[in-house]
Amino acid sequence: MVSPSIETAPLETCPRCAKSLALCVCADIEPMEHRTGLLILQHPQEQDKDLGTARLVALHLKDTVFKVGLSWPSLTKALGRPVDPNRWAVLYLGSAKPESFPDGREIVVLDKNGAAAPNQDRELAEIKGLIVLDGSWSQAKTLWWRNAWMLRVKRIALSPKRASLYGKLRKEPRKEALSTLESTGLVIARLERRDDIETAMIKTFARLLHRYHAVQKEAKLAAPPRPRRRRPTAP
């Protein structure tokens, strides 16, 4: 028997976040000014409309370019404006060794060998924009390998102090993996030293998960009871 799901019937969706109206949290989002540019590249087969968070990031941060596709000729083409790729960084898919995060840092710039680059404060201060790959683990890797120009930008690795609010809802490849909304909020907040950015985005994520659990509970309650099997009678 198929378990109850909020996707079992066509639902009216929000034109801004593309979620069902039952999950929409757009009304609570206040767009924020920020100085770090943001480019979100979403894999076209990303199907998690219920728990996906990329569009919510774009609603939170004003200077965001949101693109869906597999490859672009260059960072400039993807953004739609000329930029210096040396001043941009991509949220790196690989992991970094614990010793790469000194002094309790949650974000570090990696060199081409995957080690922490020297003079982290200078490296982070030079970053003018962030690239985030949105999709499943395999989809994000596809975006990485199909866009060779990413080798020219800096790489940022994460070591968050807390686990994702997803909990058991999504299986992540690593314990430090976060949602697109959580990871973007963390990086932008640390780059600009603005905890309010991360706080606002985490609150939105918490509201989304609260609604998701509520809708799932309602769906289970509304589902028809499973028919009881009759025990065979003795001859």
C-alpha atoms as a PDB file:
ATOM      1  CA  MET A   1       0.000   0.000   0.000  1.00  0.00           C
ATOM      2  CA  VAL A   2       1.325   3.430  -0.908  1.00  0.00           C
ATOM      3  CA  SER A   3       1.917   5.587   2.161  1.00  0.00           C
ATOM      4  CA  PRO A   4      -0.016   8.877   2.380  1.00  0.00           C
ATOM      5  CA  SER A   5       1.746  11.789   0.714  1.00  0.00           C
ATOM      6  CA  ILE A   6       0.980  15.414   0.052  1.00  0.00           C
ATOM      7  CA  GLU A   7       1.841  14.723  -3.603  1.00  0.00           C
ATOM      8  CA  THR A   8      -0.890  12.122  -4.155  1.00  0.00           C
ATOM      9  CA  ALA A   9      -3.223  14.652  -5.778  1.00  0.00           C
ATOM     10  CA  PRO A  10      -2.680  17.826  -7.825  1.00  0.00           C
ATOM     11  CA  LEU A  11      -2.333  20.795  -5.474  1.00  0.00           C
ATOM     12  CA  GLU A  12      -2.436  24.508  -6.104  1.00  0.00           C
ATOM     13  CA  THR A  13       1.083  25.890  -5.887  1.00  0.00           C
ATOM     14  CA  CYS A  14       2.579  29.228  -4.937  1.00  0.00           C
ATOM     15  CA  PRO A  15       3.988  31.069  -7.989  1.00  0.00           C
ATOM     16  CA  ARG A  16       6.933  32.395  -5.942  1.00  0.00           C
ATOM     17  CA  CYS A  17       8.301  29.294  -4.193  1.00  0.00           C
ATOM     18  CA  ALA A  18       6.590  26.611  -6.344  1.00  0.00           C
ATOM     19  CA  LYS A  19       5.413  24.780  -3.229  1.00  0.00           C
ATOM     20  CA  SER A  20       1.864  23.721  -2.439  1.00  0.00           C
ATOM     21  CA  LEU A  21      -0.079  26.419  -0.643  1.00  0.00           C
ATOM     22  CA  ALA A  22      -0.165  24.184   2.412  1.00  0.00           C
ATOM     23  CA  LEU A  23       3.640  24.428   2.618  1.00  0.00           C
ATOM     24  CA  CYS A  24       4.118  28.003   1.447  1.00  0.00           C
ATOM     25  CA  VAL A  25       5.942  30.262   3.915  1.00  0.00           C
ATOM     26  CA  CYS A  26       6.522  33.175   1.522  1.00  0.00           C
ATOM     27  CA  ALA A  27       4.352  35.600   3.459  1.00  0.00           C
ATOM     28  CA  ASP A  28       6.789  35.469   6.373  1.00  0.00           C
ATOM     29  CA  ILE A  29       9.915  36.197   4.303  1.00  0.00           C
ATOM     30  CA  GLU A  30      11.387  39.701   4.330  1.00  0.00           C
ATOM     31  CA  PRO A  31      13.953  40.149   1.489  1.00  0.00           C
ATOM     32  CA  MET A  32      17.318  41.249   2.881  1.00  0.00           C
ATOM     33  CA  GLU A  33      20.044  43.475   1.512  1.00  0.00           C
ATOM     34  CA  HIS A  34      23.516  41.919   1.374  1.00  0.00           C
ATOM     35  CA  ARG A  35      26.826  42.691  -0.294  1.00  0.00           C
ATOM     36  CA  THR A  36      27.813  39.145  -1.363  1.00  0.00           C
ATOM     37  CA  GLY A  37      26.385  38.181  -4.747  1.00  0.00           C
ATOM     38  CA  LEU A  38      24.676  34.797  -4.994  1.00  0.00           C
ATOM     39  CA  LEU A  39      24.280  32.416  -7.922  1.00  0.00           C
ATOM     40  CA  ILE A  40      22.131  29.304  -7.430  1.00  0.00           C
ATOM     41  CA  LEU A  41      22.452  26.638 -10.119  1.00  0.00           C
ATOM     42  CA  GLN A  42      19.717  24.034  -9.829  1.00  0.00           C
ATOM     43  CA  HIS A  43      19.815  20.693 -11.600  1.00  0.00           C
ATOM     44  CA  PRO A  44      16.733  20.419 -13.886  1.00  0.00           C
ATOM     45  CA  GLN A  45      15.787  17.050 -12.381  1.00  0.00           C
ATOM     46  CA  GLU A  46      15.685  18.317  -8.808  1.00  0.00           C
ATOM     47  CA  GLN A  47      12.237  17.104  -7.825  1.00  0.00           C
ATOM     48  CA  ASP A  48      12.017  17.783  -4.097  1.00  0.00           C
ATOM     49  CA  LYS A  49       9.256  20.378  -4.266  1.00  0.00           C
ATOM     50  CA  ASP A  50       8.162  19.732  -0.696  1.00  0.00           C
ATOM     51  CA  LEU A  51      11.480  19.998   1.158  1.00  0.00           C
ATOM     52  CA  GLY A  52      13.675  21.791  -1.370  1.00  0.00           C
ATOM     53  CA  THR A  53      14.863  25.206  -0.181  1.00  0.00           C
ATOM     54  CA  ALA A  54      16.700  26.882  -3.082  1.00  0.00           C
ATOM     55  CA  ARG A  55      13.819  29.154  -4.087  1.00  0.00           C
ATOM     56  CA  LEU A  56      13.365  30.202  -0.473  1.00  0.00           C
ATOM     57  CA  VAL A  57      16.998  31.351  -0.463  1.00  0.00           C
ATOM     58  CA  ALA A  58      16.330  33.498  -3.517  1.00  0.00           C
ATOM     59  CA  LEU A  59      13.340  35.078  -1.759  1.00  0.00           C
ATOM     60  CA  HIS A  60      15.439  35.915   1.287  1.00  0.00           C
ATOM     61  CA  LEU A  61      18.484  37.422  -0.468  1.00  0.00           C
ATOM     62  CA  LYS A  62      17.877  40.234  -2.949  1.00  0.00           C
ATOM     63  CA  ASP A  63      21.085  39.908  -4.996  1.00  0.00           C
ATOM     64  CA  THR A  64      20.401  36.342  -6.132  1.00  0.00           C
ATOM     65  CA  VAL A  65      20.476  34.888  -9.635  1.00  0.00           C
ATOM     66  CA  PHE A  66      18.573  31.590  -9.859  1.00  0.00           C
ATOM     67  CA  LYS A  67      19.237  29.363 -12.880  1.00  0.00           C
ATOM     68  CA  VAL A  68      17.989  25.893 -13.793  1.00  0.00           C
ATOM     69  CA  GLY A  69      20.106  23.863 -16.201  1.00  0.00           C
ATOM     70  CA  LEU A  70      23.139  21.646 -16.606  1.00  0.00           C
ATOM     71  CA  SER A  71      25.925  23.792 -18.024  1.00  0.00           C
ATOM     72  CA  TRP A  72      26.902  27.357 -18.870  1.00  0.00           C
ATOM     73  CA  PRO A  73      29.920  28.593 -20.884  1.00  0.00           C
ATOM     74  CA  SER A  74      31.262  30.736 -18.048  1.00  0.00           C
ATOM     75  CA  LEU A  75      30.434  32.366 -14.741  1.00  0.00           C
ATOM     76  CA  THR A  76      29.719  35.608 -16.582  1.00  0.00           C
ATOM     77  CA  LYS A  77      27.198  33.851 -18.854  1.00  0.00           C
ATOM     78  CA  ALA A  78      25.496  32.167 -15.916  1.00  0.00           C
ATOM     79  CA  LEU A  79      25.205  35.445 -14.009  1.00  0.00           C
ATOM     80  CA  GLY A  80      24.302  37.597 -16.982  1.00  0.00           C
ATOM     81  CA  ARG A  81      26.931  40.194 -16.092  1.00  0.00           C
ATOM     82  CA  PRO A  82      30.745  40.370 -16.192  1.00  0.00           C
ATOM     83  CA  VAL A  83      32.548  39.433 -12.981  1.00  0.00           C
ATOM     84  CA  ASP A  84      36.037  38.386 -11.910  1.00  0.00           C
ATOM     85  CA  PRO A  85      35.881  34.617 -11.191  1.00  0.00           C
ATOM     86  CA  ASN A  86      38.841  34.959  -8.823  1.00  0.00           C
ATOM     87  CA  ARG A  87      36.586  36.958  -6.489  1.00  0.00           C
ATOM     88  CA  TRP A  88      33.853  34.317  -6.442  1.00  0.00           C
ATOM     89  CA  ALA A  89      33.656  31.025  -4.543  1.00  0.00           C
ATOM     90  CA  VAL A  90      31.684  27.819  -4.977  1.00  0.00           C
ATOM     91  CA  LEU A  91      30.267  25.885  -2.056  1.00  0.00           C
ATOM     92  CA  TYR A  92      32.523  22.853  -2.353  1.00  0.00           C
ATOM     93  CA  LEU A  93      30.980  19.368  -2.567  1.00  0.00           C
ATOM     94  CA  GLY A  94      33.920  17.498  -1.072  1.00  0.00           C
ATOM     95  CA  SER A  95      34.846  17.341   2.571  1.00  0.00           C
ATOM     96  CA  ALA A  96      37.864  18.882   4.267  1.00  0.00           C
ATOM     97  CA  LYS A  97      39.956  17.466   7.102  1.00  0.00           C
ATOM     98  CA  PRO A  98      39.070  18.673  10.622  1.00  0.00           C
ATOM     99  CA  GLU A  99      42.467  20.359  10.938  1.00  0.00           C
ATOM    100  CA  SER A 100      41.470  22.630   8.050  1.00  0.00           C
ATOM    101  CA  PHE A 101      39.085  24.471  10.412  1.00  0.00           C
ATOM    102  CA  PRO A 102      41.244  26.194  13.037  1.00  0.00           C
ATOM    103  CA  ASP A 103      39.863  28.268  15.898  1.00  0.00           C
ATOM    104  CA  GLY A 104      36.370  26.836  15.552  1.00  0.00           C
ATOM    105  CA  ARG A 105      35.860  28.227  12.040  1.00  0.00           C
ATOM    106  CA  GLU A 106      32.767  26.980  10.239  1.00  0.00           C
ATOM    107  CA  ILE A 107      33.865  28.029   6.747  1.00  0.00           C
ATOM    108  CA  VAL A 108      37.308  27.913   5.120  1.00  0.00           C
ATOM    109  CA  VAL A 109      38.710  28.567   1.655  1.00  0.00           C
ATOM    110  CA  LEU A 110      40.469  25.506   0.225  1.00  0.00           C
ATOM    111  CA  ASP A 111      43.426  25.459  -2.139  1.00  0.00           C
ATOM    112  CA  LYS A 112      43.473  23.309  -5.277  1.00  0.00           C
ATOM    113  CA  ASN A 113      44.760  20.347  -3.248  1.00  0.00           C
ATOM    114  CA  GLY A 114      41.853  20.455  -0.822  1.00  0.00           C
ATOM    115  CA  ALA A 115      43.804  21.895   2.096  1.00  0.00           C
ATOM    116  CA  ALA A 116      42.989  25.136   3.896  1.00  0.00           C
ATOM    117  CA  ALA A 117      44.483  28.074   2.033  1.00  0.00           C
ATOM    118  CA  PRO A 118      46.897  30.275   4.006  1.00  0.00           C
ATOM    119  CA  ASN A 119      45.697  33.613   5.381  1.00  0.00           C
ATOM    120  CA  GLN A 120      42.022  32.701   5.665  1.00  0.00           C
ATOM    121  CA  ASP A 121      40.922  36.181   6.709  1.00  0.00           C
ATOM    122  CA  ARG A 122      42.304  37.681   3.504  1.00  0.00           C
ATOM    123  CA  GLU A 123      40.903  34.875   1.337  1.00  0.00           C
ATOM    124  CA  LEU A 124      37.419  35.273   2.775  1.00  0.00           C
ATOM    125  CA  ALA A 125      37.533  39.072   2.556  1.00  0.00           C
ATOM    126  CA  GLU A 126      38.271  38.864  -1.178  1.00  0.00           C
ATOM    127  CA  ILE A 127      35.115  36.905  -1.946  1.00  0.00           C
ATOM    128  CA  LYS A 128      32.469  39.009  -3.701  1.00  0.00           C
ATOM    129  CA  GLY A 129      30.067  36.242  -4.696  1.00  0.00           C
ATOM    130  CA  LEU A 130      28.983  32.695  -3.853  1.00  0.00           C
ATOM    131  CA  ILE A 131      27.925  29.854  -6.166  1.00  0.00           C
ATOM    132  CA  VAL A 132      25.607  27.175  -4.763  1.00  0.00           C
ATOM    133  CA  LEU A 133      24.767  23.910  -6.553  1.00  0.00           C
ATOM    134  CA  ASP A 134      21.248  22.700  -5.784  1.00  0.00           C
ATOM    135  CA  GLY A 135      20.057  19.136  -6.199  1.00  0.00           C
ATOM    136  CA  SER A 136      20.733  15.670  -4.859  1.00  0.00           C
ATOM    137  CA  TRP A 137      24.330  14.668  -4.179  1.00  0.00           C
ATOM    138  CA  SER A 138      24.728  13.043  -7.614  1.00  0.00           C
ATOM    139  CA  GLN A 139      22.967  15.942  -9.364  1.00  0.00           C
ATOM    140  CA  ALA A 140      25.251  18.493  -7.706  1.00  0.00           C
ATOM    141  CA  LYS A 141      28.303  16.499  -8.805  1.00  0.00           C
ATOM    142  CA  THR A 142      26.966  16.515 -12.354  1.00  0.00           C
ATOM    143  CA  LEU A 143      26.736  20.311 -12.261  1.00  0.00           C
ATOM    144  CA  TRP A 144      30.289  20.477 -10.911  1.00  0.00           C
ATOM    145  CA  TRP A 145      31.819  18.331 -13.648  1.00  0.00           C
ATOM    146  CA  ARG A 146      29.831  19.899 -16.496  1.00  0.00           C
ATOM    147  CA  ASN A 147      31.004  23.432 -15.703  1.00  0.00           C
ATOM    148  CA  ALA A 148      34.795  23.467 -15.994  1.00  0.00           C
ATOM    149  CA  TRP A 149      34.932  27.199 -15.217  1.00  0.00           C
ATOM    150  CA  MET A 150      34.266  26.350 -11.573  1.00  0.00           C
ATOM    151  CA  LEU A 151      37.912  25.297 -11.348  1.00  0.00           C
ATOM    152  CA  ARG A 152      38.815  28.983 -11.624  1.00  0.00           C
ATOM    153  CA  VAL A 153      36.825  30.131  -8.607  1.00  0.00           C
ATOM    154  CA  LYS A 154      37.635  29.676  -4.927  1.00  0.00           C
ATOM    155  CA  ARG A 155      36.253  26.736  -2.977  1.00  0.00           C
ATOM    156  CA  ILE A 156      34.514  27.080   0.376  1.00  0.00           C
ATOM    157  CA  ALA A 157      34.165  24.079   2.676  1.00  0.00           C
ATOM    158  CA  LEU A 158      31.830  23.882   5.665  1.00  0.00           C
ATOM    159  CA  SER A 159      32.167  22.498   9.166  1.00  0.00           C
ATOM    160  CA  PRO A 160      28.861  23.526  10.784  1.00  0.00           C
ATOM    161  CA  LYS A 161      28.553  23.387  14.533  1.00  0.00           C
ATOM    162  CA  ARG A 162      25.063  21.898  14.377  1.00  0.00           C
ATOM    163  CA  ALA A 163      23.337  19.232  12.316  1.00  0.00           C
ATOM    164  CA  SER A 164      20.747  20.024   9.659  1.00  0.00           C
ATOM    165  CA  LEU A 165      17.163  20.585  10.736  1.00  0.00           C
ATOM    166  CA  TYR A 166      16.215  17.975   8.134  1.00  0.00           C
ATOM    167  CA  GLY A 167      16.944  15.284  10.689  1.00  0.00           C
ATOM    168  CA  LYS A 168      15.753  11.957   9.311  1.00  0.00           C
ATOM    169  CA  LEU A 169      13.607  13.506   6.565  1.00  0.00           C
ATOM    170  CA  ARG A 170      16.460  13.407   4.063  1.00  0.00           C
ATOM    171  CA  LYS A 171      19.433  11.085   3.857  1.00  0.00           C
ATOM    172  CA  GLU A 172      22.606  13.139   3.438  1.00  0.00           C
ATOM    173  CA  PRO A 173      25.999  11.822   2.262  1.00  0.00           C
ATOM    174  CA  ARG A 174      27.817  13.309   5.250  1.00  0.00           C
ATOM    175  CA  LYS A 175      26.780  14.239   8.778  1.00  0.00           C
ATOM    176  CA  GLU A 176      27.867  17.854   8.209  1.00  0.00           C
ATOM    177  CA  ALA A 177      25.695  18.223   5.077  1.00  0.00           C
ATOM    178  CA  LEU A 178      23.080  20.978   5.255  1.00  0.00           C
ATOM    179  CA  SER A 179      20.140  22.078   3.156  1.00  0.00           C
ATOM    180  CA  THR A 180      20.736  24.718   0.499  1.00  0.00           C
ATOM    181  CA  LEU A 181      19.023  27.283   2.707  1.00  0.00           C
ATOM    182  CA  GLU A 182      21.046  26.381   5.801  1.00  0.00           C
ATOM    183  CA  SER A 183      24.415  26.251   4.035  1.00  0.00           C
ATOM    184  CA  THR A 184      23.869  29.484   2.108  1.00  0.00           C
ATOM    185  CA  GLY A 185      22.691  31.297   5.208  1.00  0.00           C
ATOM    186  CA  LEU A 186      25.732  30.073   7.129  1.00  0.00           C
ATOM    187  CA  VAL A 187      28.249  31.170   4.498  1.00  0.00           C
ATOM    188  CA  ILE A 188      26.720  34.578   3.761  1.00  0.00           C
ATOM    189  CA  ALA A 189      26.329  35.299   7.487  1.00  0.00           C
ATOM    190  CA  ARG A 190      29.987  34.447   8.178  1.00  0.00           C
ATOM    191  CA  LEU A 191      31.297  36.362   5.162  1.00  0.00           C
ATOM    192  CA  GLU A 192      29.385  39.495   6.136  1.00  0.00           C
ATOM    193  CA  ARG A 193      29.481  38.949   9.914  1.00  0.00           C
ATOM    194  CA  ARG A 194      25.706  39.209  10.072  1.00  0.00           C
ATOM    195  CA  ASP A 195      24.055  36.612  12.242  1.00  0.00           C
ATOM    196  CA  ASP A 196      20.635  38.086  11.405  1.00  0.00           C
ATOM    197  CA  ILE A 197      20.843  36.628   7.884  1.00  0.00           C
ATOM    198  CA  GLU A 198      21.354  33.068   9.106  1.00  0.00           C
ATOM    199  CA  THR A 199      18.774  33.475  11.891  1.00  0.00           C
ATOM    200  CA  ALA A 200      16.057  34.643   9.489  1.00  0.00           C
ATOM    201  CA  MET A 201      16.716  31.808   7.037  1.00  0.00           C
ATOM    202  CA  ILE A 202      16.765  29.150   9.754  1.00  0.00           C
ATOM    203  CA  LYS A 203      13.407  30.415  11.050  1.00  0.00           C
ATOM    204  CA  THR A 204      11.945  30.047   7.559  1.00  0.00           C
ATOM    205  CA  PHE A 205      13.285  26.517   7.298  1.00  0.00           C
ATOM    206  CA  ALA A 206      11.839  25.612  10.694  1.00  0.00           C
ATOM    207  CA  ARG A 207       8.422  26.936   9.625  1.00  0.00           C
ATOM    208  CA  LEU A 208       8.583  24.878   6.429  1.00  0.00           C
ATOM    209  CA  LEU A 209       9.423  21.691   8.310  1.00  0.00           C
ATOM    210  CA  HIS A 210       6.689  22.367  10.869  1.00  0.00           C
ATOM    211  CA  ARG A 211       4.105  22.694   8.091  1.00  0.00           C
ATOM    212  CA  TYR A 212       5.463  19.620   6.327  1.00  0.00           C
ATOM    213  CA  HIS A 213       5.070  17.465   9.426  1.00  0.00           C
ATOM    214  CA  ALA A 214       1.554  18.848  10.007  1.00  0.00           C
ATOM    215  CA  VAL A 215       0.451  18.106   6.441  1.00  0.00           C
ATOM    216  CA  GLN A 216       1.936  14.614   6.551  1.00  0.00           C
ATOM    217  CA  LYS A 217       0.079  13.938   9.788  1.00  0.00           C
ATOM    218  CA  GLU A 218      -3.200  15.129   8.256  1.00  0.00           C
ATOM    219  CA  ALA A 219      -2.643  12.947   5.201  1.00  0.00           C
ATOM    220  CA  LYS A 220      -2.134   9.874   7.336  1.00  0.00           C
ATOM    221  CA  LEU A 221      -5.256  10.592   9.363  1.00  0.00           C
ATOM    222  CA  ALA A 222      -7.301  11.072   6.194  1.00  0.00           C
ATOM    223  CA  ALA A 223      -6.016   7.913   4.530  1.00  0.00           C
ATOM    224  CA  PRO A 224      -8.487   5.027   4.403  1.00  0.00           C
ATOM    225  CA  PRO A 225      -7.720   2.284   6.924  1.00  0.00           C
ATOM    226  CA  ARG A 226      -5.821  -0.695   5.657  1.00  0.00           C
ATOM    227  CA  PRO A 227      -8.189  -3.638   5.136  1.00  0.00           C
ATOM    228  CA  ARG A 228      -7.780  -6.344   7.727  1.00  0.00           C
ATOM    229  CA  ARG A 229      -6.836  -9.764   6.478  1.00  0.00           C
ATOM    230  CA  ARG A 230      -9.210 -12.545   7.367  1.00  0.00           C
ATOM    231  CA  ARG A 231      -7.723 -15.539   8.972  1.00  0.00           C
ATOM    232  CA  PRO A 232      -8.481 -18.729   7.112  1.00  0.00           C
ATOM    233  CA  THR A 233     -11.116 -20.807   8.833  1.00  0.00           C
ATOM    234  CA  ALA A 234     -10.461 -24.379   9.717  1.00  0.00           C
ATOM    235  CA  PRO A 235     -12.150 -26.909   7.402  1.00  0.00           C
END
